[in-house]
Amino acid sequence: MTDKVLYEVVDGVGVITLNRPEVHNAMDDEAAHLYKVVLDRALEDDAVRAVLLQGKGKSFCSGRDITMLGHRAKDESDYHFVLRHQQKRLVVLDSPKPFIAALKGAVLGGGCETALSCDIRITDTTLKMALPEINYGILPDTGGTQMMTRLIGPSRTKYMVMTGERIDADIALEWGAVDFVVAPEELDAKALEIAKKIAAKPPLCLAMAKTMIDQASAGDVRNGIAQELMAQSYLFKTEDYHEARAALREKRTPTYKGK
């Protein structure tokens, strides 16, 4: 075990802290594994009534570490790679425990999808949120297209997914991608305050409230995530994906063929 992901319990709140600030909390295989370990720990701990996700340093999470793009441990198939990461997202969506995300700086790709899977999102004014996968010749694959659409609507989600461009805190609040915006020095206290307030409520009420509210769109989200799995498994094999990776390495503009 390393300190790439930290965990503590504070007044009924399981606080999970991504701790790779030098790379804006990008997730390599080890960090992703440790995140799953502490996530399971928080979900299994009866003393934890709510979970707070946050990041050390200037950012929440910049997504998958770009040095590991295309890497598959133990000859894992693309299908099983995507499915394994989707399962982490679904655990949060399906958990009876409320999840709160404290966002700042880079909230990109898988980091954005991690935030979207939470029930409440607080950000500071430094937020830069994006689903930039199209710039690598692929698309979001752990619920981004579905969860973002539920929050901000189809047209705005299409803009984000099709351009890969970042939105700031003001736009994210206006569109509904986040729920609160505070000054950077207020973020940690505000997020923990909200998490504690929720954790103090009756656990069964919290679980039932989350279930009832989510039920309105649960079917569509699950269906859409399954479509992401199929699409991403295919896109990992395309020439455009490999061209995007090569162009990134070689610091040149990619030439896409639509193949």
C-alpha atoms as a PDB file:
ATOM      1  CA  MET A   1       0.000   0.000   0.000  1.00  0.00           C
ATOM      2  CA  THR A   2       1.186   3.514  -0.773  1.00  0.00           C
ATOM      3  CA  ASP A   3      -0.138   6.956   0.036  1.00  0.00           C
ATOM      4  CA  LYS A   4      -1.537   7.646  -3.442  1.00  0.00           C
ATOM      5  CA  VAL A   5      -5.024   7.491  -1.938  1.00  0.00           C
ATOM      6  CA  LEU A   6      -5.733   8.543   1.648  1.00  0.00           C
ATOM      7  CA  TYR A   7      -8.664   7.596   3.863  1.00  0.00           C
ATOM      8  CA  GLU A   8     -10.042   8.711   7.211  1.00  0.00           C
ATOM      9  CA  VAL A   9     -13.403   8.860   8.998  1.00  0.00           C
ATOM     10  CA  VAL A  10     -14.517  12.228  10.371  1.00  0.00           C
ATOM     11  CA  ASP A  11     -17.825  12.429  12.269  1.00  0.00           C
ATOM     12  CA  GLY A  12     -19.503   9.730  10.217  1.00  0.00           C
ATOM     13  CA  VAL A  13     -17.964  10.887   6.920  1.00  0.00           C
ATOM     14  CA  GLY A  14     -15.572   8.610   5.056  1.00  0.00           C
ATOM     15  CA  VAL A  15     -13.084  11.027   3.499  1.00  0.00           C
ATOM     16  CA  ILE A  16     -11.282   9.660   0.427  1.00  0.00           C
ATOM     17  CA  THR A  17      -8.422  11.868  -0.772  1.00  0.00           C
ATOM     18  CA  LEU A  18      -6.638  11.353  -4.080  1.00  0.00           C
ATOM     19  CA  ASN A  19      -2.995  12.074  -3.332  1.00  0.00           C
ATOM     20  CA  ARG A  20      -0.921  12.499  -6.488  1.00  0.00           C
ATOM     21  CA  PRO A  21      -0.848  16.308  -6.550  1.00  0.00           C
ATOM     22  CA  GLU A  22       2.281  16.413  -8.715  1.00  0.00           C
ATOM     23  CA  VAL A  23       0.214  15.028 -11.639  1.00  0.00           C
ATOM     24  CA  HIS A  24      -3.102  16.667 -10.722  1.00  0.00           C
ATOM     25  CA  ASN A  25      -4.214  13.370  -9.144  1.00  0.00           C
ATOM     26  CA  ALA A  26      -4.121  11.475 -12.436  1.00  0.00           C
ATOM     27  CA  MET A  27      -4.905   7.800 -11.894  1.00  0.00           C
ATOM     28  CA  ASP A  28      -2.327   5.159 -12.697  1.00  0.00           C
ATOM     29  CA  ASP A  29      -3.094   1.460 -12.139  1.00  0.00           C
ATOM     30  CA  GLU A  30      -1.894   1.523  -8.542  1.00  0.00           C
ATOM     31  CA  ALA A  31      -3.915   4.612  -7.625  1.00  0.00           C
ATOM     32  CA  ALA A  32      -7.005   3.153  -9.300  1.00  0.00           C
ATOM     33  CA  HIS A  33      -6.600  -0.063  -7.316  1.00  0.00           C
ATOM     34  CA  LEU A  34      -6.118   1.807  -4.035  1.00  0.00           C
ATOM     35  CA  TYR A  35      -9.161   3.958  -4.766  1.00  0.00           C
ATOM     36  CA  LYS A  36     -11.247   0.779  -5.130  1.00  0.00           C
ATOM     37  CA  VAL A  37      -9.808  -0.580  -1.866  1.00  0.00           C
ATOM     38  CA  VAL A  38     -10.713   2.493   0.183  1.00  0.00           C
ATOM     39  CA  LEU A  39     -14.045   2.846  -1.614  1.00  0.00           C
ATOM     40  CA  ASP A  40     -15.001  -0.669  -0.540  1.00  0.00           C
ATOM     41  CA  ARG A  41     -13.779   0.095   2.961  1.00  0.00           C
ATOM     42  CA  ALA A  42     -16.008   3.166   3.211  1.00  0.00           C
ATOM     43  CA  LEU A  43     -19.020   1.318   1.842  1.00  0.00           C
ATOM     44  CA  GLU A  44     -18.595  -1.595   4.241  1.00  0.00           C
ATOM     45  CA  ASP A  45     -18.019   0.542   7.367  1.00  0.00           C
ATOM     46  CA  ASP A  46     -21.275   0.991   9.303  1.00  0.00           C
ATOM     47  CA  ALA A  47     -19.789   4.041  11.012  1.00  0.00           C
ATOM     48  CA  VAL A  48     -19.624   5.805   7.644  1.00  0.00           C
ATOM     49  CA  ARG A  49     -22.939   7.453   6.769  1.00  0.00           C
ATOM     50  CA  ALA A  50     -21.700   9.600   3.845  1.00  0.00           C
ATOM     51  CA  VAL A  51     -18.572   9.681   1.678  1.00  0.00           C
ATOM     52  CA  LEU A  52     -16.552  12.736   0.654  1.00  0.00           C
ATOM     53  CA  LEU A  53     -14.245  12.547  -2.375  1.00  0.00           C
ATOM     54  CA  GLN A  54     -11.510  15.168  -2.701  1.00  0.00           C
ATOM     55  CA  GLY A  55      -8.047  15.709  -4.141  1.00  0.00           C
ATOM     56  CA  LYS A  56      -4.761  16.985  -2.748  1.00  0.00           C
ATOM     57  CA  GLY A  57      -3.073  19.947  -4.348  1.00  0.00           C
ATOM     58  CA  LYS A  58      -4.498  22.127  -7.109  1.00  0.00           C
ATOM     59  CA  SER A  59      -6.862  19.616  -8.754  1.00  0.00           C
ATOM     60  CA  PHE A  60      -9.504  17.024  -7.992  1.00  0.00           C
ATOM     61  CA  CYS A  61      -8.527  14.495 -10.677  1.00  0.00           C
ATOM     62  CA  SER A  62      -7.219  14.901 -14.226  1.00  0.00           C
ATOM     63  CA  GLY A  63      -8.336  11.419 -15.291  1.00  0.00           C
ATOM     64  CA  ARG A  64      -6.175   8.479 -16.358  1.00  0.00           C
ATOM     65  CA  ASP A  65      -2.440   9.111 -16.266  1.00  0.00           C
ATOM     66  CA  ILE A  66      -1.519   9.811 -19.907  1.00  0.00           C
ATOM     67  CA  THR A  67       1.673   7.769 -19.511  1.00  0.00           C
ATOM     68  CA  MET A  68      -0.570   4.712 -19.155  1.00  0.00           C
ATOM     69  CA  LEU A  69      -2.900   5.284 -22.111  1.00  0.00           C
ATOM     70  CA  GLY A  70      -3.416   1.975 -23.869  1.00  0.00           C
ATOM     71  CA  HIS A  71      -1.736   0.017 -21.048  1.00  0.00           C
ATOM     72  CA  ARG A  72      -3.504  -3.178 -20.002  1.00  0.00           C
ATOM     73  CA  ALA A  73      -2.251  -5.106 -16.989  1.00  0.00           C
ATOM     74  CA  LYS A  74      -1.949  -8.886 -17.295  1.00  0.00           C
ATOM     75  CA  ASP A  75      -3.095  -8.913 -20.941  1.00  0.00           C
ATOM     76  CA  GLU A  76      -6.564  -7.733 -19.924  1.00  0.00           C
ATOM     77  CA  SER A  77      -8.914  -7.213 -22.869  1.00  0.00           C
ATOM     78  CA  ASP A  78     -10.221  -3.751 -23.693  1.00  0.00           C
ATOM     79  CA  TYR A  79     -13.714  -4.987 -22.872  1.00  0.00           C
ATOM     80  CA  HIS A  80     -12.767  -6.164 -19.389  1.00  0.00           C
ATOM     81  CA  PHE A  81     -10.633  -3.067 -18.770  1.00  0.00           C
ATOM     82  CA  VAL A  82     -13.582  -0.756 -19.458  1.00  0.00           C
ATOM     83  CA  LEU A  83     -16.023  -3.002 -17.587  1.00  0.00           C
ATOM     84  CA  ARG A  84     -13.809  -3.054 -14.483  1.00  0.00           C
ATOM     85  CA  HIS A  85     -13.690   0.740 -14.365  1.00  0.00           C
ATOM     86  CA  GLN A  86     -17.417   1.009 -15.044  1.00  0.00           C
ATOM     87  CA  GLN A  87     -18.072  -1.226 -12.061  1.00  0.00           C
ATOM     88  CA  LYS A  88     -16.303   1.282  -9.790  1.00  0.00           C
ATOM     89  CA  ARG A  89     -18.597   3.994 -11.088  1.00  0.00           C
ATOM     90  CA  LEU A  90     -21.706   1.848 -10.663  1.00  0.00           C
ATOM     91  CA  VAL A  91     -20.754   1.047  -7.073  1.00  0.00           C
ATOM     92  CA  VAL A  92     -20.982   4.762  -6.272  1.00  0.00           C
ATOM     93  CA  LEU A  93     -24.197   5.250  -8.236  1.00  0.00           C
ATOM     94  CA  ASP A  94     -25.833   2.254  -6.565  1.00  0.00           C
ATOM     95  CA  SER A  95     -24.500   2.846  -3.059  1.00  0.00           C
ATOM     96  CA  PRO A  96     -27.161   3.680  -0.456  1.00  0.00           C
ATOM     97  CA  LYS A  97     -24.623   6.067   1.062  1.00  0.00           C
ATOM     98  CA  PRO A  98     -24.606   9.635  -0.284  1.00  0.00           C
ATOM     99  CA  PHE A  99     -21.422  10.759  -2.049  1.00  0.00           C
ATOM    100  CA  ILE A 100     -20.189  14.357  -2.023  1.00  0.00           C
ATOM    101  CA  ALA A 101     -17.405  15.578  -4.327  1.00  0.00           C
ATOM    102  CA  ALA A 102     -15.160  18.548  -3.508  1.00  0.00           C
ATOM    103  CA  LEU A 103     -13.909  19.774  -6.881  1.00  0.00           C
ATOM    104  CA  LYS A 104     -11.139  22.146  -7.921  1.00  0.00           C
ATOM    105  CA  GLY A 105      -8.728  22.690 -10.776  1.00  0.00           C
ATOM    106  CA  ALA A 106      -8.624  19.860 -13.298  1.00  0.00           C
ATOM    107  CA  VAL A 107     -11.728  17.654 -13.281  1.00  0.00           C
ATOM    108  CA  LEU A 108     -11.114  15.810 -16.522  1.00  0.00           C
ATOM    109  CA  GLY A 109     -12.071  12.552 -18.215  1.00  0.00           C
ATOM    110  CA  GLY A 110     -12.396   9.791 -15.646  1.00  0.00           C
ATOM    111  CA  GLY A 111     -11.984  12.416 -12.929  1.00  0.00           C
ATOM    112  CA  CYS A 112     -15.011  14.227 -14.302  1.00  0.00           C
ATOM    113  CA  GLU A 113     -16.976  10.973 -14.447  1.00  0.00           C
ATOM    114  CA  THR A 114     -15.997  10.241 -10.837  1.00  0.00           C
ATOM    115  CA  ALA A 115     -17.424  13.627  -9.845  1.00  0.00           C
ATOM    116  CA  LEU A 116     -20.586  13.108 -11.903  1.00  0.00           C
ATOM    117  CA  SER A 117     -21.309   9.818 -10.153  1.00  0.00           C
ATOM    118  CA  CYS A 118     -21.537  11.627  -6.817  1.00  0.00           C
ATOM    119  CA  ASP A 119     -24.816  12.932  -5.441  1.00  0.00           C
ATOM    120  CA  ILE A 120     -23.672  16.479  -4.689  1.00  0.00           C
ATOM    121  CA  ARG A 121     -20.786  18.474  -6.181  1.00  0.00           C
ATOM    122  CA  ILE A 122     -19.133  21.485  -4.540  1.00  0.00           C
ATOM    123  CA  THR A 123     -16.399  23.300  -6.438  1.00  0.00           C
ATOM    124  CA  ASP A 124     -14.138  26.269  -5.988  1.00  0.00           C
ATOM    125  CA  THR A 125     -13.557  28.976  -8.576  1.00  0.00           C
ATOM    126  CA  THR A 126     -10.513  27.248 -10.132  1.00  0.00           C
ATOM    127  CA  LEU A 127     -12.594  24.480 -11.727  1.00  0.00           C
ATOM    128  CA  LYS A 128     -11.780  23.318 -15.273  1.00  0.00           C
ATOM    129  CA  MET A 129     -14.204  20.496 -16.111  1.00  0.00           C
ATOM    130  CA  ALA A 130     -14.095  18.492 -19.334  1.00  0.00           C
ATOM    131  CA  LEU A 131     -14.752  15.196 -21.074  1.00  0.00           C
ATOM    132  CA  PRO A 132     -11.730  15.399 -23.439  1.00  0.00           C
ATOM    133  CA  GLU A 133     -11.621  11.799 -24.659  1.00  0.00           C
ATOM    134  CA  ILE A 134     -12.419  12.744 -28.266  1.00  0.00           C
ATOM    135  CA  ASN A 135      -8.970  14.354 -28.458  1.00  0.00           C
ATOM    136  CA  TYR A 136      -7.523  10.847 -28.029  1.00  0.00           C
ATOM    137  CA  GLY A 137      -9.771   9.253 -30.648  1.00  0.00           C
ATOM    138  CA  ILE A 138     -12.144   7.694 -28.101  1.00  0.00           C
ATOM    139  CA  LEU A 139     -15.186   8.696 -25.997  1.00  0.00           C
ATOM    140  CA  PRO A 140     -16.202   8.735 -22.310  1.00  0.00           C
ATOM    141  CA  ASP A 141     -16.718   5.183 -21.100  1.00  0.00           C
ATOM    142  CA  THR A 142     -17.663   5.178 -17.415  1.00  0.00           C
ATOM    143  CA  GLY A 143     -20.959   7.009 -17.610  1.00  0.00           C
ATOM    144  CA  GLY A 144     -19.907  10.482 -18.720  1.00  0.00           C
ATOM    145  CA  THR A 145     -22.318  10.791 -21.630  1.00  0.00           C
ATOM    146  CA  GLN A 146     -25.214   9.567 -19.511  1.00  0.00           C
ATOM    147  CA  MET A 147     -24.607  11.304 -16.195  1.00  0.00           C
ATOM    148  CA  MET A 148     -23.689  14.623 -17.779  1.00  0.00           C
ATOM    149  CA  THR A 149     -26.810  14.532 -19.958  1.00  0.00           C
ATOM    150  CA  ARG A 150     -28.940  13.965 -16.881  1.00  0.00           C
ATOM    151  CA  LEU A 151     -27.408  17.053 -15.271  1.00  0.00           C
ATOM    152  CA  ILE A 152     -27.031  19.574 -18.091  1.00  0.00           C
ATOM    153  CA  GLY A 153     -29.131  18.216 -20.964  1.00  0.00           C
ATOM    154  CA  PRO A 154     -28.290  16.625 -24.321  1.00  0.00           C
ATOM    155  CA  SER A 155     -27.199  19.688 -26.319  1.00  0.00           C
ATOM    156  CA  ARG A 156     -24.680  20.926 -23.768  1.00  0.00           C
ATOM    157  CA  THR A 157     -23.390  17.398 -23.224  1.00  0.00           C
ATOM    158  CA  LYS A 158     -22.922  16.990 -26.976  1.00  0.00           C
ATOM    159  CA  TYR A 159     -20.934  20.220 -27.001  1.00  0.00           C
ATOM    160  CA  MET A 160     -18.671  18.999 -24.200  1.00  0.00           C
ATOM    161  CA  VAL A 161     -18.199  15.502 -25.635  1.00  0.00           C
ATOM    162  CA  MET A 162     -17.817  16.578 -29.275  1.00  0.00           C
ATOM    163  CA  THR A 163     -15.368  19.430 -28.616  1.00  0.00           C
ATOM    164  CA  GLY A 164     -13.600  18.101 -25.527  1.00  0.00           C
ATOM    165  CA  GLU A 165     -13.449  21.705 -24.290  1.00  0.00           C
ATOM    166  CA  ARG A 166     -13.301  22.718 -20.640  1.00  0.00           C
ATOM    167  CA  ILE A 167     -15.944  24.679 -18.780  1.00  0.00           C
ATOM    168  CA  ASP A 168     -15.221  26.867 -15.770  1.00  0.00           C
ATOM    169  CA  ALA A 169     -16.988  27.061 -12.417  1.00  0.00           C
ATOM    170  CA  ASP A 170     -19.475  29.743 -13.475  1.00  0.00           C
ATOM    171  CA  ILE A 171     -20.617  27.808 -16.541  1.00  0.00           C
ATOM    172  CA  ALA A 172     -20.695  24.523 -14.617  1.00  0.00           C
ATOM    173  CA  LEU A 173     -22.974  26.110 -12.012  1.00  0.00           C
ATOM    174  CA  GLU A 174     -25.187  27.778 -14.607  1.00  0.00           C
ATOM    175  CA  TRP A 175     -25.579  24.519 -16.531  1.00  0.00           C
ATOM    176  CA  GLY A 176     -26.118  22.387 -13.417  1.00  0.00           C
ATOM    177  CA  ALA A 177     -22.951  20.291 -13.537  1.00  0.00           C
ATOM    178  CA  VAL A 178     -22.100  21.474  -9.999  1.00  0.00           C
ATOM    179  CA  ASP A 179     -24.294  22.562  -7.102  1.00  0.00           C
ATOM    180  CA  PHE A 180     -22.179  25.087  -5.168  1.00  0.00           C
ATOM    181  CA  VAL A 181     -19.244  27.366  -6.004  1.00  0.00           C
ATOM    182  CA  VAL A 182     -17.035  28.763  -3.234  1.00  0.00           C
ATOM    183  CA  ALA A 183     -13.685  30.486  -2.908  1.00  0.00           C
ATOM    184  CA  PRO A 184     -10.651  28.134  -2.900  1.00  0.00           C
ATOM    185  CA  GLU A 185      -9.961  28.744   0.777  1.00  0.00           C
ATOM    186  CA  GLU A 186     -13.533  27.756   1.647  1.00  0.00           C
ATOM    187  CA  LEU A 187     -13.813  24.516  -0.342  1.00  0.00           C
ATOM    188  CA  ASP A 188     -12.584  21.931   2.165  1.00  0.00           C
ATOM    189  CA  ALA A 189     -14.654  23.307   5.044  1.00  0.00           C
ATOM    190  CA  LYS A 190     -17.802  23.723   2.945  1.00  0.00           C
ATOM    191  CA  ALA A 191     -17.622  20.227   1.482  1.00  0.00           C
ATOM    192  CA  LEU A 192     -17.017  18.629   4.869  1.00  0.00           C
ATOM    193  CA  GLU A 193     -19.817  20.714   6.406  1.00  0.00           C
ATOM    194  CA  ILE A 194     -22.314  19.434   3.840  1.00  0.00           C
ATOM    195  CA  ALA A 195     -21.075  15.846   4.196  1.00  0.00           C
ATOM    196  CA  LYS A 196     -21.364  15.997   7.993  1.00  0.00           C
ATOM    197  CA  LYS A 197     -24.834  17.519   7.796  1.00  0.00           C
ATOM    198  CA  ILE A 198     -25.990  14.651   5.575  1.00  0.00           C
ATOM    199  CA  ALA A 199     -24.187  11.990   7.640  1.00  0.00           C
ATOM    200  CA  ALA A 200     -26.081  13.141  10.742  1.00  0.00           C
ATOM    201  CA  LYS A 201     -29.453  12.206   9.223  1.00  0.00           C
ATOM    202  CA  PRO A 202     -31.162   8.779   9.603  1.00  0.00           C
ATOM    203  CA  PRO A 203     -29.240   6.291   7.417  1.00  0.00           C
ATOM    204  CA  LEU A 204     -32.315   4.498   6.120  1.00  0.00           C
ATOM    205  CA  CYS A 205     -33.900   7.784   5.122  1.00  0.00           C
ATOM    206  CA  LEU A 206     -30.733   8.750   3.268  1.00  0.00           C
ATOM    207  CA  ALA A 207     -30.622   5.433   1.430  1.00  0.00           C
ATOM    208  CA  MET A 208     -34.295   5.535   0.490  1.00  0.00           C
ATOM    209  CA  ALA A 209     -34.132   9.182  -0.555  1.00  0.00           C
ATOM    210  CA  LYS A 210     -31.193   8.469  -2.875  1.00  0.00           C
ATOM    211  CA  THR A 211     -32.930   5.432  -4.340  1.00  0.00           C
ATOM    212  CA  MET A 212     -36.243   7.186  -4.939  1.00  0.00           C
ATOM    213  CA  ILE A 213     -34.669  10.248  -6.539  1.00  0.00           C
ATOM    214  CA  ASP A 214     -32.306   8.231  -8.724  1.00  0.00           C
ATOM    215  CA  GLN A 215     -34.998   5.793  -9.828  1.00  0.00           C
ATOM    216  CA  ALA A 216     -36.447   8.292 -12.285  1.00  0.00           C
ATOM    217  CA  SER A 217     -33.422   7.921 -14.539  1.00  0.00           C
ATOM    218  CA  ALA A 218     -31.726   4.730 -13.352  1.00  0.00           C
ATOM    219  CA  GLY A 219     -32.865   2.671 -16.336  1.00  0.00           C
ATOM    220  CA  ASP A 220     -31.612   5.114 -18.954  1.00  0.00           C
ATOM    221  CA  VAL A 221     -28.231   5.563 -17.253  1.00  0.00           C
ATOM    222  CA  ARG A 222     -27.596   1.820 -17.048  1.00  0.00           C
ATOM    223  CA  ASN A 223     -28.601   1.352 -20.675  1.00  0.00           C
ATOM    224  CA  GLY A 224     -26.356   4.205 -21.797  1.00  0.00           C
ATOM    225  CA  ILE A 225     -23.340   2.962 -19.848  1.00  0.00           C
ATOM    226  CA  ALA A 226     -23.706  -0.412 -21.561  1.00  0.00           C
ATOM    227  CA  GLN A 227     -23.630   1.390 -24.913  1.00  0.00           C
ATOM    228  CA  GLU A 228     -20.449   3.202 -23.808  1.00  0.00           C
ATOM    229  CA  LEU A 229     -18.850  -0.160 -23.033  1.00  0.00           C
ATOM    230  CA  MET A 230     -19.503  -1.451 -26.548  1.00  0.00           C
ATOM    231  CA  ALA A 231     -18.471   1.794 -28.257  1.00  0.00           C
ATOM    232  CA  GLN A 232     -15.240   2.186 -26.297  1.00  0.00           C
ATOM    233  CA  SER A 233     -14.235  -1.448 -26.767  1.00  0.00           C
ATOM    234  CA  TYR A 234     -14.491  -0.853 -30.517  1.00  0.00           C
ATOM    235  CA  LEU A 235     -12.784   2.564 -30.523  1.00  0.00           C
ATOM    236  CA  PHE A 236      -9.703   1.255 -28.738  1.00  0.00           C
ATOM    237  CA  LYS A 237      -9.031  -0.795 -31.913  1.00  0.00           C
ATOM    238  CA  THR A 238      -9.399   2.055 -34.404  1.00  0.00           C
ATOM    239  CA  GLU A 239      -6.637   3.683 -36.421  1.00  0.00           C
ATOM    240  CA  ASP A 240      -7.770   7.107 -35.186  1.00  0.00           C
ATOM    241  CA  TYR A 241      -7.178   6.121 -31.544  1.00  0.00           C
ATOM    242  CA  HIS A 242      -3.640   4.955 -32.315  1.00  0.00           C
ATOM    243  CA  GLU A 243      -3.048   8.062 -34.429  1.00  0.00           C
ATOM    244  CA  ALA A 244      -4.191  10.303 -31.561  1.00  0.00           C
ATOM    245  CA  ARG A 245      -1.794   8.564 -29.147  1.00  0.00           C
ATOM    246  CA  ALA A 246       1.085   8.791 -31.619  1.00  0.00           C
ATOM    247  CA  ALA A 247       0.415  12.487 -32.253  1.00  0.00           C
ATOM    248  CA  LEU A 248       0.374  13.139 -28.514  1.00  0.00           C
ATOM    249  CA  ARG A 249       3.732  11.419 -28.072  1.00  0.00           C
ATOM    250  CA  GLU A 250       5.239  13.150 -31.100  1.00  0.00           C
ATOM    251  CA  LYS A 251       3.721  16.555 -30.237  1.00  0.00           C
ATOM    252  CA  ARG A 252       2.058  17.033 -33.610  1.00  0.00           C
ATOM    253  CA  THR A 253      -1.448  17.554 -34.943  1.00  0.00           C
ATOM    254  CA  PRO A 254      -3.188  14.225 -35.533  1.00  0.00           C
ATOM    255  CA  THR A 255      -4.504  13.220 -38.956  1.00  0.00           C
ATOM    256  CA  TYR A 256      -7.744  11.294 -38.562  1.00  0.00           C
ATOM    257  CA  LYS A 257      -9.092   8.889 -41.209  1.00  0.00           C
ATOM    258  CA  GLY A 258     -12.420   7.929 -39.700  1.00  0.00           C
ATOM    259  CA  LYS A 259     -11.236   4.346 -39.429  1.00  0.00           C
END
